[in-house]
Amino acid sequence: MIDVRTSVPPSAPPVARRAFVCIVSAAALASGCRLTLLEAPAPAAIAPVARSGGPTVRTIPVELLFIRHDEHDTAIRDELWKFIDEQAVPVDQRRRLNANGLRAGVVDADLPEHLAARLDPPDSAAAEPAGGQKACERRTLRLLPGGRGEIVVAAPRDELVVLEHRDGVGTGATFRDASGLFDIRLAPAADGRVRITLTPEIGHGPRERTWVGEEGSLRMEAGQKRHRRDDLGIVLDLAPPTLLVVAASADHASTLGDALFRDASPSATTHRLLVIRPLARSVDPMFAPDVAATPTDQPAIRIR
């Protein structure tokens, strides 16, 4: 294939320009060449223009993995954490998380095959039940930069008792109609990584309507009250294929980590592991050209 570039002097009259194009096109067809506009981007690379006339910020995609295992699963509870870098989380934050029954770290190196298969199983293995539920579930979450997303990691409970530690002081609280969740927010970084901010919360009580201020306006929002622990928020910059892993600490009963990642029953205790993986490198809007959102972009979604 031969690509032919053509150009016409800008000062040429319209008739001359049309004649020039016709002559070149005829010559190309006669010689079997393909005439292409090399400067034009491919159709798939052209984002649609926003109706408002201004650019729309792209959403940031991440993959969520929910790994379920029983309390005697040493491969997940012990062996996996030997390959998780918990020092990626600042030491003071690690202490606060551990005091409240939580631990977190990143995986940025290859795992042994049997552990990698647990975090990224084939569809057939993921469909095997663990206590009547899937051993591994995948979700894809797309958020606008700075927008709120919710990851509901625990089923609702009629009553939830949580022992909390804050600044070395222990307190207890009882929540009615409660469920554990994380507030997740994503933001692009200049170096292509994705900044992930993950904050634990407990939603509790009846659903209520409240007015929420957002970008200079008020909107009505229905939901439960939130018991939020900003002091336990995890903030990390990750690039694909690095994983963020969050779970409950061992032997911490009735803590926030226990409420988020353990389900106790008379027969057995099921543990959960939350894994977050960026799906694409991001670009800070300050360093990116104005583009409109693609048709595949989605608003924030709520996940169980």
C-alpha atoms as a PDB file:
ATOM      1  CA  MET A   1       0.000   0.000   0.000  1.00  0.00           C
ATOM      2  CA  ILE A   2       1.245   3.471  -0.846  1.00  0.00           C
ATOM      3  CA  ASP A   3       0.140   6.431   1.224  1.00  0.00           C
ATOM      4  CA  VAL A   4       0.017   9.706  -0.614  1.00  0.00           C
ATOM      5  CA  ARG A   5       0.189  13.033   1.159  1.00  0.00           C
ATOM      6  CA  THR A   6      -1.228  16.001  -0.648  1.00  0.00           C
ATOM      7  CA  SER A   7      -1.241  19.676   0.069  1.00  0.00           C
ATOM      8  CA  VAL A   8      -2.589  22.760  -1.710  1.00  0.00           C
ATOM      9  CA  PRO A   9      -1.260  26.260  -1.106  1.00  0.00           C
ATOM     10  CA  PRO A  10      -3.712  28.126   1.162  1.00  0.00           C
ATOM     11  CA  SER A  11      -3.691  31.098  -1.192  1.00  0.00           C
ATOM     12  CA  ALA A  12      -4.989  29.095  -4.155  1.00  0.00           C
ATOM     13  CA  PRO A  13      -8.539  29.978  -5.303  1.00  0.00           C
ATOM     14  CA  PRO A  14     -11.333  27.476  -4.513  1.00  0.00           C
ATOM     15  CA  VAL A  15     -11.677  26.398  -8.178  1.00  0.00           C
ATOM     16  CA  ALA A  16      -7.981  25.632  -8.421  1.00  0.00           C
ATOM     17  CA  ARG A  17      -8.078  23.712  -5.135  1.00  0.00           C
ATOM     18  CA  ARG A  18     -10.992  21.538  -6.333  1.00  0.00           C
ATOM     19  CA  ALA A  19      -9.280  20.886  -9.652  1.00  0.00           C
ATOM     20  CA  PHE A  20      -6.057  19.904  -7.895  1.00  0.00           C
ATOM     21  CA  VAL A  21      -7.855  17.398  -5.666  1.00  0.00           C
ATOM     22  CA  CYS A  22      -9.670  15.862  -8.652  1.00  0.00           C
ATOM     23  CA  ILE A  23      -6.434  15.445 -10.628  1.00  0.00           C
ATOM     24  CA  VAL A  24      -4.571  13.813  -7.731  1.00  0.00           C
ATOM     25  CA  SER A  25      -7.508  11.509  -6.938  1.00  0.00           C
ATOM     26  CA  ALA A  26      -7.761  10.377 -10.550  1.00  0.00           C
ATOM     27  CA  ALA A  27      -4.028   9.703 -10.677  1.00  0.00           C
ATOM     28  CA  ALA A  28      -4.179   7.684  -7.487  1.00  0.00           C
ATOM     29  CA  LEU A  29      -7.050   5.527  -8.723  1.00  0.00           C
ATOM     30  CA  ALA A  30      -5.348   4.929 -12.048  1.00  0.00           C
ATOM     31  CA  SER A  31      -2.097   3.741 -10.422  1.00  0.00           C
ATOM     32  CA  GLY A  32      -3.787   1.521  -7.838  1.00  0.00           C
ATOM     33  CA  CYS A  33      -2.712   3.662  -4.867  1.00  0.00           C
ATOM     34  CA  ARG A  34      -4.743   4.354  -1.729  1.00  0.00           C
ATOM     35  CA  LEU A  35      -5.168   7.990  -0.871  1.00  0.00           C
ATOM     36  CA  THR A  36      -5.185   8.528   2.911  1.00  0.00           C
ATOM     37  CA  LEU A  37      -5.201  11.536   5.167  1.00  0.00           C
ATOM     38  CA  LEU A  38      -2.259  10.593   7.369  1.00  0.00           C
ATOM     39  CA  GLU A  39      -2.737  13.539   9.696  1.00  0.00           C
ATOM     40  CA  ALA A  40      -6.306  12.537  10.616  1.00  0.00           C
ATOM     41  CA  PRO A  41      -6.706  10.273  13.664  1.00  0.00           C
ATOM     42  CA  ALA A  42      -8.407   6.918  13.318  1.00  0.00           C
ATOM     43  CA  PRO A  43     -12.183   7.031  13.869  1.00  0.00           C
ATOM     44  CA  ALA A  44     -11.886   5.045  17.109  1.00  0.00           C
ATOM     45  CA  ALA A  45      -9.540   7.680  18.512  1.00  0.00           C
ATOM     46  CA  ILE A  46     -11.969  10.548  17.954  1.00  0.00           C
ATOM     47  CA  ALA A  47     -14.084  11.252  21.035  1.00  0.00           C
ATOM     48  CA  PRO A  48     -17.574  12.658  20.508  1.00  0.00           C
ATOM     49  CA  VAL A  49     -18.035  16.319  21.316  1.00  0.00           C
ATOM     50  CA  ALA A  50     -19.999  17.081  24.460  1.00  0.00           C
ATOM     51  CA  ARG A  51     -23.432  18.532  23.768  1.00  0.00           C
ATOM     52  CA  SER A  52     -22.752  21.476  26.005  1.00  0.00           C
ATOM     53  CA  GLY A  53     -19.911  22.475  23.697  1.00  0.00           C
ATOM     54  CA  GLY A  54     -17.257  21.914  26.381  1.00  0.00           C
ATOM     55  CA  PRO A  55     -15.029  18.911  27.077  1.00  0.00           C
ATOM     56  CA  THR A  56     -16.067  16.166  29.476  1.00  0.00           C
ATOM     57  CA  VAL A  57     -13.544  14.559  31.806  1.00  0.00           C
ATOM     58  CA  ARG A  58     -12.909  10.860  31.210  1.00  0.00           C
ATOM     59  CA  THR A  59     -13.805   8.343  33.884  1.00  0.00           C
ATOM     60  CA  ILE A  60     -11.136   6.222  35.549  1.00  0.00           C
ATOM     61  CA  PRO A  61     -11.688   2.426  35.528  1.00  0.00           C
ATOM     62  CA  VAL A  62     -10.595  -0.014  38.230  1.00  0.00           C
ATOM     63  CA  GLU A  63     -11.317  -3.698  38.727  1.00  0.00           C
ATOM     64  CA  LEU A  64     -12.587  -4.958  42.086  1.00  0.00           C
ATOM     65  CA  LEU A  65     -12.038  -8.541  43.221  1.00  0.00           C
ATOM     66  CA  PHE A  66     -13.844 -10.046  46.205  1.00  0.00           C
ATOM     67  CA  ILE A  67     -12.046 -13.175  47.454  1.00  0.00           C
ATOM     68  CA  ARG A  68     -13.937 -15.341  49.967  1.00  0.00           C
ATOM     69  CA  HIS A  69     -12.171 -17.956  52.075  1.00  0.00           C
ATOM     70  CA  ASP A  70     -12.675 -19.819  55.345  1.00  0.00           C
ATOM     71  CA  GLU A  71     -10.759 -19.078  58.534  1.00  0.00           C
ATOM     72  CA  HIS A  72      -8.468 -22.098  58.088  1.00  0.00           C
ATOM     73  CA  ASP A  73      -7.290 -21.120  54.587  1.00  0.00           C
ATOM     74  CA  THR A  74      -3.579 -20.591  55.328  1.00  0.00           C
ATOM     75  CA  ALA A  75      -2.751 -19.789  51.685  1.00  0.00           C
ATOM     76  CA  ILE A  76      -4.763 -16.551  51.828  1.00  0.00           C
ATOM     77  CA  ARG A  77      -4.490 -15.731  55.522  1.00  0.00           C
ATOM     78  CA  ASP A  78      -0.740 -16.303  55.900  1.00  0.00           C
ATOM     79  CA  GLU A  79       1.186 -17.155  52.738  1.00  0.00           C
ATOM     80  CA  LEU A  80      -0.308 -14.428  50.532  1.00  0.00           C
ATOM     81  CA  TRP A  81       0.634 -11.676  52.971  1.00  0.00           C
ATOM     82  CA  LYS A  82       4.310 -12.619  52.679  1.00  0.00           C
ATOM     83  CA  PHE A  83       4.141 -11.224  49.128  1.00  0.00           C
ATOM     84  CA  ILE A  84       2.107  -8.115  50.009  1.00  0.00           C
ATOM     85  CA  ASP A  85       4.124  -4.973  50.702  1.00  0.00           C
ATOM     86  CA  GLU A  86       2.418  -3.429  53.724  1.00  0.00           C
ATOM     87  CA  GLN A  87       5.194  -0.847  54.012  1.00  0.00           C
ATOM     88  CA  ALA A  88       3.622   0.970  51.063  1.00  0.00           C
ATOM     89  CA  VAL A  89       1.212   2.300  53.710  1.00  0.00           C
ATOM     90  CA  PRO A  90       2.855   4.840  56.078  1.00  0.00           C
ATOM     91  CA  VAL A  91       3.830   3.314  59.425  1.00  0.00           C
ATOM     92  CA  ASP A  92       1.539   5.548  61.525  1.00  0.00           C
ATOM     93  CA  GLN A  93      -1.396   4.644  59.317  1.00  0.00           C
ATOM     94  CA  ARG A  94      -0.555   0.947  59.562  1.00  0.00           C
ATOM     95  CA  ARG A  95      -0.714   1.208  63.351  1.00  0.00           C
ATOM     96  CA  ARG A  96      -4.106   2.908  63.237  1.00  0.00           C
ATOM     97  CA  LEU A  97      -5.442   0.317  60.799  1.00  0.00           C
ATOM     98  CA  ASN A  98      -4.121  -2.591  62.863  1.00  0.00           C
ATOM     99  CA  ALA A  99      -5.633  -1.176  66.064  1.00  0.00           C
ATOM    100  CA  ASN A 100      -9.019  -1.281  64.311  1.00  0.00           C
ATOM    101  CA  GLY A 101      -8.608  -4.759  62.853  1.00  0.00           C
ATOM    102  CA  LEU A 102      -7.542  -3.752  59.323  1.00  0.00           C
ATOM    103  CA  ARG A 103      -4.473  -4.320  57.181  1.00  0.00           C
ATOM    104  CA  ALA A 104      -3.551  -3.177  53.682  1.00  0.00           C
ATOM    105  CA  GLY A 105      -0.682  -3.376  51.224  1.00  0.00           C
ATOM    106  CA  VAL A 106       0.232  -3.633  47.559  1.00  0.00           C
ATOM    107  CA  VAL A 107       1.355  -6.439  45.265  1.00  0.00           C
ATOM    108  CA  ASP A 108       3.769  -5.187  42.607  1.00  0.00           C
ATOM    109  CA  ALA A 109       5.643  -8.420  41.837  1.00  0.00           C
ATOM    110  CA  ASP A 110       4.784 -11.836  40.455  1.00  0.00           C
ATOM    111  CA  LEU A 111       2.999 -14.218  42.807  1.00  0.00           C
ATOM    112  CA  PRO A 112       3.467 -17.990  42.964  1.00  0.00           C
ATOM    113  CA  GLU A 113       1.165 -19.713  40.527  1.00  0.00           C
ATOM    114  CA  HIS A 114      -1.182 -21.166  43.153  1.00  0.00           C
ATOM    115  CA  LEU A 115      -1.668 -17.746  44.799  1.00  0.00           C
ATOM    116  CA  ALA A 116      -2.059 -15.920  41.490  1.00  0.00           C
ATOM    117  CA  ALA A 117      -4.788 -18.411  40.575  1.00  0.00           C
ATOM    118  CA  ARG A 118      -6.698 -17.470  43.739  1.00  0.00           C
ATOM    119  CA  LEU A 119      -6.612 -13.765  42.870  1.00  0.00           C
ATOM    120  CA  ASP A 120      -7.274 -14.242  39.165  1.00  0.00           C
ATOM    121  CA  PRO A 121      -9.081 -17.568  38.762  1.00  0.00           C
ATOM    122  CA  PRO A 122     -10.596 -18.848  35.507  1.00  0.00           C
ATOM    123  CA  ASP A 123     -14.353 -18.475  35.226  1.00  0.00           C
ATOM    124  CA  SER A 124     -14.949 -22.119  36.114  1.00  0.00           C
ATOM    125  CA  ALA A 125     -12.997 -21.850  39.370  1.00  0.00           C
ATOM    126  CA  ALA A 126     -14.583 -18.514  40.264  1.00  0.00           C
ATOM    127  CA  ALA A 127     -18.015 -20.126  40.008  1.00  0.00           C
ATOM    128  CA  GLU A 128     -17.281 -22.667  42.745  1.00  0.00           C
ATOM    129  CA  PRO A 129     -19.250 -21.786  45.873  1.00  0.00           C
ATOM    130  CA  ALA A 130     -17.660 -20.865  49.199  1.00  0.00           C
ATOM    131  CA  GLY A 131     -20.298 -21.256  51.858  1.00  0.00           C
ATOM    132  CA  GLY A 132     -23.015 -20.928  49.217  1.00  0.00           C
ATOM    133  CA  GLN A 133     -21.342 -17.876  47.597  1.00  0.00           C
ATOM    134  CA  LYS A 134     -18.813 -17.465  44.808  1.00  0.00           C
ATOM    135  CA  ALA A 135     -15.198 -17.827  45.914  1.00  0.00           C
ATOM    136  CA  CYS A 136     -14.226 -14.899  43.683  1.00  0.00           C
ATOM    137  CA  GLU A 137     -16.323 -12.111  42.211  1.00  0.00           C
ATOM    138  CA  ARG A 138     -15.241  -9.401  39.795  1.00  0.00           C
ATOM    139  CA  ARG A 139     -16.684  -5.954  39.300  1.00  0.00           C
ATOM    140  CA  THR A 140     -15.568  -3.013  37.185  1.00  0.00           C
ATOM    141  CA  LEU A 141     -16.000   0.453  38.626  1.00  0.00           C
ATOM    142  CA  ARG A 142     -15.697   3.689  36.636  1.00  0.00           C
ATOM    143  CA  LEU A 143     -15.594   7.002  38.461  1.00  0.00           C
ATOM    144  CA  LEU A 144     -15.127  10.600  37.470  1.00  0.00           C
ATOM    145  CA  PRO A 145     -11.961  12.056  39.027  1.00  0.00           C
ATOM    146  CA  GLY A 146     -12.763  12.908  42.640  1.00  0.00           C
ATOM    147  CA  GLY A 147     -16.278  11.428  42.428  1.00  0.00           C
ATOM    148  CA  ARG A 148     -17.584   9.196  45.186  1.00  0.00           C
ATOM    149  CA  GLY A 149     -18.122   5.475  44.705  1.00  0.00           C
ATOM    150  CA  GLU A 150     -19.318   2.943  47.261  1.00  0.00           C
ATOM    151  CA  ILE A 151     -18.052  -0.606  47.736  1.00  0.00           C
ATOM    152  CA  VAL A 152     -20.474  -2.452  50.002  1.00  0.00           C
ATOM    153  CA  VAL A 153     -18.414  -5.317  51.411  1.00  0.00           C
ATOM    154  CA  ALA A 154     -20.720  -6.627  54.163  1.00  0.00           C
ATOM    155  CA  ALA A 155     -24.353  -7.678  54.139  1.00  0.00           C
ATOM    156  CA  PRO A 156     -26.797  -5.635  56.254  1.00  0.00           C
ATOM    157  CA  ARG A 157     -27.169  -6.666  59.896  1.00  0.00           C
ATOM    158  CA  ASP A 158     -29.969  -5.895  62.291  1.00  0.00           C
ATOM    159  CA  GLU A 159     -27.421  -4.982  64.953  1.00  0.00           C
ATOM    160  CA  LEU A 160     -23.690  -4.372  64.695  1.00  0.00           C
ATOM    161  CA  VAL A 161     -21.415  -3.850  67.698  1.00  0.00           C
ATOM    162  CA  VAL A 162     -18.031  -2.299  66.909  1.00  0.00           C
ATOM    163  CA  LEU A 163     -15.085  -1.672  69.237  1.00  0.00           C
ATOM    164  CA  GLU A 164     -13.030   1.241  67.925  1.00  0.00           C
ATOM    165  CA  HIS A 165      -9.636   2.686  68.770  1.00  0.00           C
ATOM    166  CA  ARG A 166      -8.877   6.330  68.122  1.00  0.00           C
ATOM    167  CA  ASP A 167      -5.740   8.091  69.403  1.00  0.00           C
ATOM    168  CA  GLY A 168      -5.089   5.260  71.843  1.00  0.00           C
ATOM    169  CA  VAL A 169      -8.582   5.390  73.338  1.00  0.00           C
ATOM    170  CA  GLY A 170     -10.990   2.479  72.950  1.00  0.00           C
ATOM    171  CA  THR A 171     -14.734   3.035  72.573  1.00  0.00           C
ATOM    172  CA  GLY A 172     -17.724   0.918  71.657  1.00  0.00           C
ATOM    173  CA  ALA A 173     -20.787   1.652  69.550  1.00  0.00           C
ATOM    174  CA  THR A 174     -23.914  -0.210  68.486  1.00  0.00           C
ATOM    175  CA  PHE A 175     -25.436   0.401  65.054  1.00  0.00           C
ATOM    176  CA  ARG A 176     -28.909  -0.690  63.919  1.00  0.00           C
ATOM    177  CA  ASP A 177     -29.665  -1.877  60.376  1.00  0.00           C
ATOM    178  CA  ALA A 178     -25.974  -1.530  59.609  1.00  0.00           C
ATOM    179  CA  SER A 179     -23.726  -2.546  56.720  1.00  0.00           C
ATOM    180  CA  GLY A 180     -20.008  -2.072  56.136  1.00  0.00           C
ATOM    181  CA  LEU A 181     -18.710  -0.228  53.084  1.00  0.00           C
ATOM    182  CA  PHE A 182     -15.842   1.787  51.658  1.00  0.00           C
ATOM    183  CA  ASP A 183     -15.948   5.235  50.121  1.00  0.00           C
ATOM    184  CA  ILE A 184     -13.638   5.045  47.098  1.00  0.00           C
ATOM    185  CA  ARG A 185     -12.377   7.997  45.094  1.00  0.00           C
ATOM    186  CA  LEU A 186     -10.036   7.987  42.110  1.00  0.00           C
ATOM    187  CA  ALA A 187      -7.843  10.741  40.710  1.00  0.00           C
ATOM    188  CA  PRO A 188      -5.258  10.886  37.904  1.00  0.00           C
ATOM    189  CA  ALA A 189      -1.611  11.642  38.598  1.00  0.00           C
ATOM    190  CA  ALA A 190       0.865  13.429  36.340  1.00  0.00           C
ATOM    191  CA  ASP A 191       3.065  10.322  36.071  1.00  0.00           C
ATOM    192  CA  GLY A 192       0.238   8.129  34.770  1.00  0.00           C
ATOM    193  CA  ARG A 193      -0.613   6.409  38.038  1.00  0.00           C
ATOM    194  CA  VAL A 194      -4.058   6.391  39.650  1.00  0.00           C
ATOM    195  CA  ARG A 195      -4.508   7.837  43.134  1.00  0.00           C
ATOM    196  CA  ILE A 196      -6.870   5.613  45.109  1.00  0.00           C
ATOM    197  CA  THR A 197      -8.457   6.933  48.307  1.00  0.00           C
ATOM    198  CA  LEU A 198     -10.310   4.278  50.305  1.00  0.00           C
ATOM    199  CA  THR A 199     -12.173   5.231  53.492  1.00  0.00           C
ATOM    200  CA  PRO A 200     -14.136   2.767  55.690  1.00  0.00           C
ATOM    201  CA  GLU A 201     -17.693   3.618  56.702  1.00  0.00           C
ATOM    202  CA  ILE A 202     -20.692   2.034  58.384  1.00  0.00           C
ATOM    203  CA  GLY A 203     -24.107   2.857  56.950  1.00  0.00           C
ATOM    204  CA  HIS A 204     -26.792   2.567  59.611  1.00  0.00           C
ATOM    205  CA  GLY A 205     -30.361   3.425  60.521  1.00  0.00           C
ATOM    206  CA  PRO A 206     -33.352   4.085  58.255  1.00  0.00           C
ATOM    207  CA  ARG A 207     -32.924   5.656  54.844  1.00  0.00           C
ATOM    208  CA  GLU A 208     -33.428   9.407  55.015  1.00  0.00           C
ATOM    209  CA  ARG A 209     -33.597  12.220  52.499  1.00  0.00           C
ATOM    210  CA  THR A 210     -31.041  14.962  52.914  1.00  0.00           C
ATOM    211  CA  TRP A 211     -29.879  17.963  50.916  1.00  0.00           C
ATOM    212  CA  VAL A 212     -26.299  17.675  49.702  1.00  0.00           C
ATOM    213  CA  GLY A 213     -24.249  20.606  48.431  1.00  0.00           C
ATOM    214  CA  GLU A 214     -22.279  19.914  45.266  1.00  0.00           C
ATOM    215  CA  GLU A 215     -20.501  22.344  42.935  1.00  0.00           C
ATOM    216  CA  GLY A 216     -22.467  25.349  44.095  1.00  0.00           C
ATOM    217  CA  SER A 217     -25.896  23.678  44.007  1.00  0.00           C
ATOM    218  CA  LEU A 218     -28.096  21.531  46.242  1.00  0.00           C
ATOM    219  CA  ARG A 219     -29.495  18.120  45.380  1.00  0.00           C
ATOM    220  CA  MET A 220     -31.707  15.680  47.247  1.00  0.00           C
ATOM    221  CA  GLU A 221     -30.049  12.415  48.253  1.00  0.00           C
ATOM    222  CA  ALA A 222     -31.630   9.410  49.983  1.00  0.00           C
ATOM    223  CA  GLY A 223     -29.503   7.121  52.117  1.00  0.00           C
ATOM    224  CA  GLN A 224     -28.500   5.943  55.552  1.00  0.00           C
ATOM    225  CA  LYS A 225     -26.456   7.874  58.063  1.00  0.00           C
ATOM    226  CA  ARG A 226     -22.721   7.306  57.766  1.00  0.00           C
ATOM    227  CA  HIS A 227     -20.264   6.530  60.536  1.00  0.00           C
ATOM    228  CA  ARG A 228     -17.074   7.518  58.723  1.00  0.00           C
ATOM    229  CA  ARG A 229     -13.456   6.942  59.766  1.00  0.00           C
ATOM    230  CA  ASP A 230     -11.392   9.479  57.841  1.00  0.00           C
ATOM    231  CA  ASP A 231      -8.419   8.725  60.098  1.00  0.00           C
ATOM    232  CA  LEU A 232      -8.343   5.188  58.650  1.00  0.00           C
ATOM    233  CA  GLY A 233      -8.366   6.312  55.022  1.00  0.00           C
ATOM    234  CA  ILE A 234      -5.838   4.648  52.693  1.00  0.00           C
ATOM    235  CA  VAL A 235      -4.296   6.862  49.995  1.00  0.00           C
ATOM    236  CA  LEU A 236      -1.961   5.243  47.453  1.00  0.00           C
ATOM    237  CA  ASP A 237      -0.805   5.982  43.899  1.00  0.00           C
ATOM    238  CA  LEU A 238      -0.870   2.808  41.788  1.00  0.00           C
ATOM    239  CA  ALA A 239      -0.127   1.932  38.184  1.00  0.00           C
ATOM    240  CA  PRO A 240      -1.345  -1.180  36.350  1.00  0.00           C
ATOM    241  CA  PRO A 241      -0.908  -4.033  37.124  1.00  0.00           C
ATOM    242  CA  THR A 242      -0.194  -3.220  40.806  1.00  0.00           C
ATOM    243  CA  LEU A 243      -2.833  -4.490  43.248  1.00  0.00           C
ATOM    244  CA  LEU A 244      -4.147  -2.893  46.434  1.00  0.00           C
ATOM    245  CA  VAL A 245      -5.190  -5.561  48.955  1.00  0.00           C
ATOM    246  CA  VAL A 246      -7.323  -4.822  52.038  1.00  0.00           C
ATOM    247  CA  ALA A 247      -8.477  -7.348  54.643  1.00  0.00           C
ATOM    248  CA  ALA A 248      -9.121  -7.893  58.337  1.00  0.00           C
ATOM    249  CA  SER A 249      -6.216  -8.348  60.731  1.00  0.00           C
ATOM    250  CA  ALA A 250      -5.918 -11.707  62.434  1.00  0.00           C
ATOM    251  CA  ASP A 251      -7.510 -12.274  65.832  1.00  0.00           C
ATOM    252  CA  HIS A 252      -9.277  -8.928  66.159  1.00  0.00           C
ATOM    253  CA  ALA A 253     -12.867  -9.598  67.234  1.00  0.00           C
ATOM    254  CA  SER A 254     -15.650  -6.978  67.090  1.00  0.00           C
ATOM    255  CA  THR A 255     -13.401  -4.413  65.399  1.00  0.00           C
ATOM    256  CA  LEU A 256     -14.177  -2.389  62.285  1.00  0.00           C
ATOM    257  CA  GLY A 257     -12.140  -4.849  60.223  1.00  0.00           C
ATOM    258  CA  ASP A 258     -14.182  -7.693  61.657  1.00  0.00           C
ATOM    259  CA  ALA A 259     -17.413  -5.901  60.711  1.00  0.00           C
ATOM    260  CA  LEU A 260     -16.193  -5.291  57.155  1.00  0.00           C
ATOM    261  CA  PHE A 261     -14.528  -8.584  56.281  1.00  0.00           C
ATOM    262  CA  ARG A 262     -15.896 -11.398  58.466  1.00  0.00           C
ATOM    263  CA  ASP A 263     -19.244 -13.186  58.464  1.00  0.00           C
ATOM    264  CA  ALA A 264     -19.695 -15.485  61.448  1.00  0.00           C
ATOM    265  CA  SER A 265     -22.232 -18.308  61.483  1.00  0.00           C
ATOM    266  CA  PRO A 266     -22.827 -21.252  63.852  1.00  0.00           C
ATOM    267  CA  SER A 267     -21.010 -23.599  61.456  1.00  0.00           C
ATOM    268  CA  ALA A 268     -18.067 -21.524  60.165  1.00  0.00           C
ATOM    269  CA  THR A 269     -16.579 -18.071  59.723  1.00  0.00           C
ATOM    270  CA  THR A 270     -16.149 -16.694  56.208  1.00  0.00           C
ATOM    271  CA  HIS A 271     -13.450 -14.114  55.545  1.00  0.00           C
ATOM    272  CA  ARG A 272     -13.285 -11.692  52.648  1.00  0.00           C
ATOM    273  CA  LEU A 273     -10.432 -10.006  50.842  1.00  0.00           C
ATOM    274  CA  LEU A 274     -10.838  -6.841  48.755  1.00  0.00           C
ATOM    275  CA  VAL A 275      -8.453  -6.371  45.822  1.00  0.00           C
ATOM    276  CA  ILE A 276      -8.405  -3.198  43.706  1.00  0.00           C
ATOM    277  CA  ARG A 277      -6.525  -3.039  40.404  1.00  0.00           C
ATOM    278  CA  PRO A 278      -6.253  -0.006  38.076  1.00  0.00           C
ATOM    279  CA  LEU A 279      -7.204  -1.012  34.542  1.00  0.00           C
ATOM    280  CA  ALA A 280      -5.440   1.783  32.668  1.00  0.00           C
ATOM    281  CA  ARG A 281      -2.868   4.459  33.200  1.00  0.00           C
ATOM    282  CA  SER A 282      -4.367   7.876  33.820  1.00  0.00           C
ATOM    283  CA  VAL A 283      -3.383  11.374  32.769  1.00  0.00           C
ATOM    284  CA  ASP A 284      -3.735  14.449  34.932  1.00  0.00           C
ATOM    285  CA  PRO A 285      -6.123  16.905  33.183  1.00  0.00           C
ATOM    286  CA  MET A 286      -3.430  19.601  33.506  1.00  0.00           C
ATOM    287  CA  PHE A 287      -1.213  17.565  31.169  1.00  0.00           C
ATOM    288  CA  ALA A 288      -3.869  16.171  28.832  1.00  0.00           C
ATOM    289  CA  PRO A 289      -5.613  17.682  25.793  1.00  0.00           C
ATOM    290  CA  ASP A 290      -9.305  18.486  26.076  1.00  0.00           C
ATOM    291  CA  VAL A 291     -11.301  15.410  25.071  1.00  0.00           C
ATOM    292  CA  ALA A 292     -14.888  14.390  25.474  1.00  0.00           C
ATOM    293  CA  ALA A 293     -16.022  11.289  27.333  1.00  0.00           C
ATOM    294  CA  THR A 294     -16.265   8.165  25.196  1.00  0.00           C
ATOM    295  CA  PRO A 295     -19.531   6.227  24.925  1.00  0.00           C
ATOM    296  CA  THR A 296     -18.070   3.495  27.185  1.00  0.00           C
ATOM    297  CA  ASP A 297     -17.564   5.854  30.112  1.00  0.00           C
ATOM    298  CA  GLN A 298     -20.000   5.274  32.956  1.00  0.00           C
ATOM    299  CA  PRO A 299     -21.051   7.231  36.024  1.00  0.00           C
ATOM    300  CA  ALA A 300     -20.238   6.034  39.506  1.00  0.00           C
ATOM    301  CA  ILE A 301     -21.872   2.746  40.451  1.00  0.00           C
ATOM    302  CA  ARG A 302     -22.693   1.049  43.715  1.00  0.00           C
ATOM    303  CA  ILE A 303     -21.278  -2.433  44.189  1.00  0.00           C
ATOM    304  CA  ARG A 304     -21.968  -5.304  46.552  1.00  0.00           C
END
